[in-house]
Structure formats: C-alpha cells, structure tokens
C-alpha cells in the first residue's frame, strides 16, 4: 500500500549515476512507496494520523488497499482523501482492488471489477490513481486453466474501462499463479492478456518464494512490470516476510533491470511484522535509501 522527500546522496556524479540507473526517479522527487496494507490496523484506527506518521518516516508514495466493499478510501470520500494526501506531501499512484467474483457473506462486493467498476474508476481518477491493481484471487476465483482464461477476459474488459480514464490496470501476483497445472502456468494465462490493457505488479517476494527469478521474468516480458512490491524473504526454512535488506532477495540485481521492466513505482510491503510495523517500515526505507536509490 508517506511524504516524498529527496535523499539523494551528495555528489553530482553519484546523483547522475542514480538517475541513469533508476530512470523512474525524476530529478525533483524520489518516490519510495508503501503499500498501506502493511500498516492496516493503524489505518483502520486513525487513517489521518497514520498517513502523517508514514510521511514523517520518509515515504512519499502510497498504494491503497481498502476501496473494495466500502467504496471509499479509508473512510473518506475521494476529495477528502486527496486533500489529506496533499497535506502530507503524499501521492497515491496505485491502489488494490478485487476481481469480485467471490461473494462475501453471500453479498456481491461493490467497487470490484465485476460490480460497479465504473464508479471505482471514476473515484480513482479523483484521487490521482494511475494504476488500478487486481490484488488477489481467492481460492474460489482460481480454479483450473479454463477458469484462469475467464479471469483473463475479465481483466481485459476491466483494463479497457481503465484506459478510457487514462488509468492502467495491473495484476498483482502471489505464488499460486506459478503452480503448474498440466503443462501450463496460470501466470502465463494471465500474461496472455492484452499487454496494453493489463500490465503486472511484480511481487518480488512471492515470485522468489515460488522458485522463479524476477530478472528472468523481466527478460521474458520487458516493459510489462510498471510496479514492484518490495518485500524480503528471511533466511529460515519458513521463508517468512522480513524487512527489506534483512533477507535473501538480491534487490540490487533486480533494480538494475528497472528500466527494462518498465518500472515506474515500487512499494514496500510486509504482510506481517515481528513487532510494531512502523519499526519494520523504518528499517526497510533505511536500507532502500542506502542501497537502492
């Protein structure tokens, strides 16, 4: 799912090198993003205070996580939420949504790709969202390869509606998309969508946990990955979530391919933290500033 501040190291040669290396950064503002699911409990209790705290830590770009089902942004209508973002020097270029095929407590979920998507897209435009991301397929929404083809068609259709409003649809992976079904990977079916209508948010943790190489995926599908989820995998047999730089994923190697990937924004996400999530996101941004940007 953050106040965007410059923390480029001094020295014009080093600075210029950083911009060549990571061209998704402009010369005025470096974007280091946070997926707000990481601080979901705090956002539920005090969204405005939490956004201010995230900004004070140094994050300046956000990815949202709660529009589906509520059709508002953390209890706020689009205009109010956009105002709060601006007050904290934040932008939210991306937000997560659900497919909406699965019912919740017997009810159709609103604000999903399958229910009231027009309103969801219009509200996203009011907040300045550039990427609307299919966050997750529940077990009921997965099925076999034939059903993944149905999902791919739904993504194409949702992507067409996004395009009319100048928004790009993306799909966020977990590891189940890389579990082979016969001779086919579900992820390959999802990649077979219209590449102009549906791009990918690559979750580096889940790709790695599935035993795949993010760089290899980028080489196979250049320009298809405008968004990254940056989360690390610890070095224990459990391969659990951990702070960026505290685990086994070689982020430097992956970020060198940012231009080829087409990456425009990345977001730190840590689904579970060992203690206070604000401590974890502080450790992650410290590593990112020192090593990746």
Protein backbone atom coordinates (compact mmCIF):
# COMPACT_ATOMS: atom_id res chain seq x y z
CA UNK A 1 0.00 0.00 0.00
CA UNK A 2 4.50 8.95 3.11
CA UNK A 3 5.96 12.20 2.40
CA UNK A 4 8.09 12.15 -0.73
CA UNK A 5 11.43 13.60 0.17
CA UNK A 6 14.75 13.79 -1.58
CA UNK A 7 17.52 11.84 -0.02
CA UNK A 8 19.91 11.59 -2.94
CA UNK A 9 23.45 11.41 -1.74
CA UNK A 10 25.67 14.40 -2.33
CA UNK A 11 27.90 14.47 -5.31
CA UNK A 12 26.78 15.23 -8.82
CA UNK A 13 28.41 12.19 -10.37
CA UNK A 14 26.77 9.82 -7.91
CA UNK A 15 23.46 11.58 -8.34
CA UNK A 16 23.63 11.45 -12.12
CA UNK A 17 24.53 7.79 -11.94
CA UNK A 18 21.50 7.09 -9.80
CA UNK A 19 19.20 8.70 -12.35
CA UNK A 20 20.73 6.72 -15.18
CA UNK A 21 20.49 3.52 -13.18
CA UNK A 22 16.94 4.04 -11.96
CA UNK A 23 15.25 6.25 -14.56
CA UNK A 24 11.84 6.04 -12.88
CA UNK A 25 13.14 8.70 -10.45
CA UNK A 26 12.84 12.28 -11.62
CA UNK A 27 15.27 14.99 -10.63
CA UNK A 28 12.91 16.72 -8.23
CA UNK A 29 11.42 13.88 -6.22
CA UNK A 30 12.44 10.35 -5.43
CA UNK A 31 9.43 8.11 -4.95
CA UNK A 32 9.70 5.48 -2.24
CA UNK A 33 6.33 3.87 -1.76
CA UNK A 34 4.50 1.95 0.93
CA UNK A 35 1.62 -0.47 0.46
CA UNK A 36 -0.77 0.61 3.22
CA UNK A 37 -1.75 -2.97 3.99
CA UNK A 38 1.49 -3.06 5.98
CA UNK A 39 0.01 -0.58 8.48
CA UNK A 40 -3.61 -1.69 8.06
CA UNK A 41 -4.51 -1.78 11.76
CA UNK A 42 -3.26 1.77 12.29
CA UNK A 43 -5.05 2.94 9.14
CA UNK A 44 -8.30 1.48 10.44
CA UNK A 45 -7.99 3.24 13.80
CA UNK A 46 -6.57 6.60 12.73
CA UNK A 47 -6.03 6.98 8.98
CA UNK A 48 -5.09 10.66 9.02
CA UNK A 49 -2.61 10.28 11.87
CA UNK A 50 -1.15 7.17 10.26
CA UNK A 51 -0.62 8.91 6.91
CA UNK A 52 1.20 11.72 8.70
CA UNK A 53 3.41 9.21 10.51
CA UNK A 54 4.21 7.31 7.31
CA UNK A 55 5.19 10.62 5.70
CA UNK A 56 7.40 11.56 8.64
CA UNK A 57 9.33 8.29 8.23
CA UNK A 58 10.14 9.33 4.67
CA UNK A 59 7.69 7.51 2.43
CA UNK A 60 6.16 9.77 -0.17
CA UNK A 61 4.21 7.40 -2.40
CA UNK A 62 1.41 5.07 -1.36
CA UNK A 63 -0.56 2.13 -2.63
CA UNK A 64 -4.06 1.77 -1.22
CA UNK A 65 -5.75 -1.42 -0.13
CA UNK A 66 -9.32 -0.90 1.13
CA UNK A 67 -11.64 0.57 -1.51
CA UNK A 68 -13.31 -2.75 -2.31
CA UNK A 69 -16.54 -3.25 -0.44
CA UNK A 70 -16.59 0.20 1.14
CA UNK A 71 -16.28 2.34 -1.99
CA UNK A 72 -14.31 4.93 -0.11
CA UNK A 73 -10.69 5.45 0.81
CA UNK A 74 -10.12 4.59 4.46
CA UNK A 75 -13.49 6.05 5.41
CA UNK A 76 -13.01 9.14 3.25
CA UNK A 77 -14.61 10.20 0.01
CA UNK A 78 -12.17 10.84 -2.86
CA UNK A 79 -11.98 14.63 -2.47
CA UNK A 80 -11.29 14.48 1.27
CA UNK A 81 -8.75 11.69 0.90
CA UNK A 82 -6.94 13.54 -1.90
CA UNK A 83 -6.77 16.61 0.35
CA UNK A 84 -5.23 14.62 3.22
CA UNK A 85 -2.64 13.15 0.87
CA UNK A 86 -1.69 16.60 -0.37
CA UNK A 87 -1.43 17.98 3.16
CA UNK A 88 1.17 15.31 3.91
CA UNK A 89 3.13 15.67 0.69
CA UNK A 90 1.94 12.26 -0.49
CA UNK A 91 0.67 10.81 -3.71
CA UNK A 92 -1.16 7.52 -4.20
CA UNK A 93 -0.41 6.44 -7.77
CA UNK A 94 -1.68 2.90 -7.24
CA UNK A 95 -4.41 1.08 -5.36
CA UNK A 96 -5.56 -2.52 -4.96
CA UNK A 97 -8.96 -3.87 -5.95
CA UNK A 98 -10.61 -7.26 -6.14
CA UNK A 99 -11.96 -9.24 -9.05
CA UNK A 100 -15.29 -9.55 -7.24
CA UNK A 101 -16.38 -12.97 -8.46
CA UNK A 102 -16.45 -14.32 -4.92
CA UNK A 103 -19.32 -13.21 -2.68
CA UNK A 104 -18.62 -12.10 0.89
CA UNK A 105 -21.21 -13.25 3.40
CA UNK A 106 -23.44 -14.00 0.45
CA UNK A 107 -23.17 -10.45 -0.86
CA UNK A 108 -21.63 -9.20 -4.10
CA UNK A 109 -18.64 -6.96 -3.41
CA UNK A 110 -19.03 -3.47 -4.80
CA UNK A 111 -16.16 -1.49 -6.24
CA UNK A 112 -14.70 -4.58 -7.88
CA UNK A 113 -14.01 -5.42 -11.50
CA UNK A 114 -17.30 -7.26 -11.64
CA UNK A 115 -19.51 -4.82 -9.72
CA UNK A 116 -19.71 -1.02 -10.03
CA UNK A 117 -16.31 -0.82 -11.68
CA UNK A 118 -17.28 2.42 -13.41
CA UNK A 119 -17.61 4.16 -10.04
CA UNK A 120 -14.36 2.64 -8.82
CA UNK A 121 -12.51 4.00 -11.87
CA UNK A 122 -14.12 7.43 -11.52
CA UNK A 123 -13.19 7.61 -7.83
CA UNK A 124 -9.64 6.51 -8.62
CA UNK A 125 -9.33 9.36 -11.11
CA UNK A 126 -10.39 11.87 -8.45
CA UNK A 127 -7.57 10.72 -6.16
CA UNK A 128 -4.96 10.75 -8.92
CA UNK A 129 -4.52 6.98 -9.10
CA UNK A 130 -2.64 5.89 -12.22
CA UNK A 131 -2.70 2.13 -11.64
CA UNK A 132 -5.65 0.03 -10.51
CA UNK A 133 -4.38 -3.37 -9.46
CA UNK A 134 -6.16 -6.71 -9.16
CA UNK A 135 -4.81 -7.58 -5.74
CA UNK A 136 -5.61 -11.23 -5.26
CA UNK A 137 -7.67 -14.15 -6.46
CA UNK A 138 -9.38 -16.08 -3.70
CA UNK A 139 -9.36 -19.87 -3.92
CA UNK A 140 -12.92 -19.70 -5.27
CA UNK A 141 -11.75 -17.39 -8.05
CA UNK A 142 -8.83 -19.53 -9.24
CA UNK A 143 -9.97 -22.92 -10.44
CA UNK A 144 -8.30 -24.61 -13.38
CA UNK A 145 -6.67 -23.24 -16.51
CA UNK A 146 -10.04 -22.76 -18.24
CA UNK A 147 -11.19 -20.55 -15.41
CA UNK A 148 -7.98 -18.55 -15.49
CA UNK A 149 -8.90 -17.81 -19.11
CA UNK A 150 -12.22 -16.42 -17.87
CA UNK A 151 -10.31 -14.28 -15.38
CA UNK A 152 -8.01 -13.06 -18.16
CA UNK A 153 -11.03 -11.99 -20.21
CA UNK A 154 -12.39 -10.11 -17.19
CA UNK A 155 -9.05 -8.36 -16.74
CA UNK A 156 -9.03 -7.28 -20.38
CA UNK A 157 -12.52 -5.86 -20.03
CA UNK A 158 -11.68 -4.03 -16.80
CA UNK A 159 -8.49 -2.74 -18.41
CA UNK A 160 -10.46 -1.27 -21.31
CA UNK A 161 -12.59 0.73 -18.89
CA UNK A 162 -9.47 1.94 -17.05
CA UNK A 163 -7.85 3.03 -20.31
CA UNK A 164 -10.80 5.31 -21.08
CA UNK A 165 -9.93 7.26 -17.94
CA UNK A 166 -6.18 7.27 -18.53
CA UNK A 167 -5.54 4.56 -15.92
CA UNK A 168 -3.53 1.37 -16.33
CA UNK A 169 -4.87 -1.93 -14.97
CA UNK A 170 -2.34 -4.31 -13.41
CA UNK A 171 -2.37 -7.75 -11.84
CA UNK A 172 -0.52 -8.47 -8.58
CA UNK A 173 0.87 -11.97 -8.21
CA UNK A 174 1.25 -14.31 -5.27
CA UNK A 175 2.89 -17.74 -5.58
CA UNK A 176 -0.13 -19.84 -6.59
CA UNK A 177 -0.04 -18.44 -10.13
CA UNK A 178 3.27 -20.27 -10.60
CA UNK A 179 1.95 -23.69 -9.58
CA UNK A 180 1.92 -25.76 -12.72
CA UNK A 181 -1.40 -27.14 -13.96
CA UNK A 182 -0.61 -29.80 -16.52
CA UNK A 183 1.84 -28.18 -18.91
CA UNK A 184 0.68 -24.62 -18.17
CA UNK A 185 1.32 -21.99 -15.51
CA UNK A 186 -1.70 -19.89 -14.54
CA UNK A 187 0.59 -16.85 -14.67
CA UNK A 188 1.22 -17.49 -18.35
CA UNK A 189 -2.54 -17.33 -18.97
CA UNK A 190 -2.71 -14.00 -17.17
CA UNK A 191 0.28 -12.73 -19.16
CA UNK A 192 -1.62 -13.66 -22.31
CA UNK A 193 -3.95 -10.73 -21.74
CA UNK A 194 -3.64 -7.64 -23.93
CA UNK A 195 -0.29 -6.20 -22.84
CA UNK A 196 -1.57 -2.67 -23.36
CA UNK A 197 -4.66 -3.21 -21.22
CA UNK A 198 -3.19 -5.41 -18.48
CA UNK A 199 0.28 -4.99 -17.02
CA UNK A 200 1.79 -6.64 -13.97
CA UNK A 201 2.73 -5.61 -10.48
CA UNK A 202 5.57 -7.99 -9.67
CA UNK A 203 5.69 -9.05 -6.04
CA UNK A 204 9.35 -9.88 -5.69
CA UNK A 205 8.83 -11.95 -2.55
CA UNK A 206 6.12 -14.20 -3.99
CA UNK A 207 7.94 -14.68 -7.29
CA UNK A 208 11.07 -15.69 -5.38
CA UNK A 209 9.18 -17.95 -2.97
CA UNK A 210 7.63 -19.72 -5.96
CA UNK A 211 11.15 -20.55 -7.11
CA UNK A 212 11.15 -18.15 -10.04
CA UNK A 213 13.69 -15.48 -10.94
CA UNK A 214 12.29 -11.92 -11.19
CA UNK A 215 15.07 -10.94 -13.61
CA UNK A 216 14.24 -13.85 -15.89
CA UNK A 217 10.59 -12.80 -15.94
CA UNK A 218 11.61 -9.25 -16.82
CA UNK A 219 13.81 -10.51 -19.65
CA UNK A 220 10.96 -12.62 -20.99
CA UNK A 221 8.39 -9.82 -20.76
CA UNK A 222 10.17 -6.44 -20.97
CA UNK A 223 8.04 -3.41 -20.25
CA UNK A 224 5.28 -5.43 -18.63
CA UNK A 225 6.07 -4.60 -14.98
CA UNK A 226 5.44 -0.92 -14.11
CA UNK A 227 5.02 -1.73 -10.41
CA UNK A 228 7.08 -3.74 -7.92
CA UNK A 229 6.23 -4.93 -4.44
CA UNK A 230 9.47 -4.82 -2.48
CA UNK A 231 9.39 -7.25 0.41
CA UNK A 232 12.13 -9.54 1.61
CA UNK A 233 12.20 -13.25 2.45
CA UNK A 234 14.03 -14.34 5.57
CA UNK A 235 16.75 -16.97 5.52
CA UNK A 236 14.92 -19.52 7.66
CA UNK A 237 13.25 -22.66 6.27
CA UNK A 238 9.90 -20.88 6.69
CA UNK A 239 10.94 -18.21 4.17
CA UNK A 240 8.84 -15.70 6.08
CA UNK A 241 8.34 -11.99 5.40
CA UNK A 242 11.07 -9.72 6.70
CA UNK A 243 12.31 -6.16 6.36
CA UNK A 244 13.91 -5.13 3.07
CA UNK A 245 17.62 -5.90 3.20
CA UNK A 246 17.20 -8.35 6.06
CA UNK A 247 16.62 -11.42 3.94
CA UNK A 248 17.74 -13.37 0.90
CA UNK A 249 16.41 -11.41 -2.09
CA UNK A 250 19.03 -9.60 -4.19
CA UNK A 251 17.24 -6.30 -4.73
CA UNK A 252 20.28 -4.59 -6.24
CA UNK A 253 20.37 -7.16 -9.04
CA UNK A 254 16.64 -6.76 -9.69
CA UNK A 255 16.62 -2.96 -9.55
CA UNK A 256 19.33 -2.85 -12.20
CA UNK A 257 16.63 -4.15 -14.54
CA UNK A 258 14.09 -1.47 -13.57
CA UNK A 259 14.27 0.26 -16.92
CA UNK A 260 13.84 -2.97 -18.86
CA UNK A 261 10.93 -3.95 -16.61
CA UNK A 262 9.23 -0.63 -17.34
CA UNK A 263 9.03 0.00 -13.61
CA UNK A 264 7.59 3.37 -12.60
CA UNK A 265 6.81 2.90 -8.89
CA UNK A 266 7.68 0.43 -6.17
CA UNK A 267 6.04 -0.16 -2.82
CA UNK A 268 7.43 -1.67 0.35
CA UNK A 269 5.06 -4.27 1.74
CA UNK A 270 5.46 -6.52 4.74
CA UNK A 271 2.30 -8.53 5.32
CA UNK A 272 3.33 -9.47 8.85
CA UNK A 273 5.93 -7.87 11.09
CA UNK A 274 7.60 -9.26 14.23
CA UNK A 275 6.62 -6.20 16.24
CA UNK A 276 5.50 -2.65 15.54
CA UNK A 277 5.03 -2.30 11.76
CA UNK A 278 6.36 1.26 11.90
CA UNK A 279 9.68 -0.11 13.17
CA UNK A 280 9.79 -2.53 10.25
CA UNK A 281 8.97 0.04 7.57
CA UNK A 282 11.64 2.33 9.05
CA UNK A 283 14.25 -0.43 8.72
CA UNK A 284 13.14 -1.08 5.14
CA UNK A 285 13.32 2.53 4.00
CA UNK A 286 16.72 2.95 5.65
CA UNK A 287 18.08 0.07 3.58
CA UNK A 288 16.45 1.36 0.40
CA UNK A 289 17.90 4.84 0.81
CA UNK A 290 21.37 3.48 1.40
CA UNK A 291 21.39 0.80 -1.26
CA UNK A 292 18.76 1.18 -3.97
CA UNK A 293 18.08 4.86 -4.70
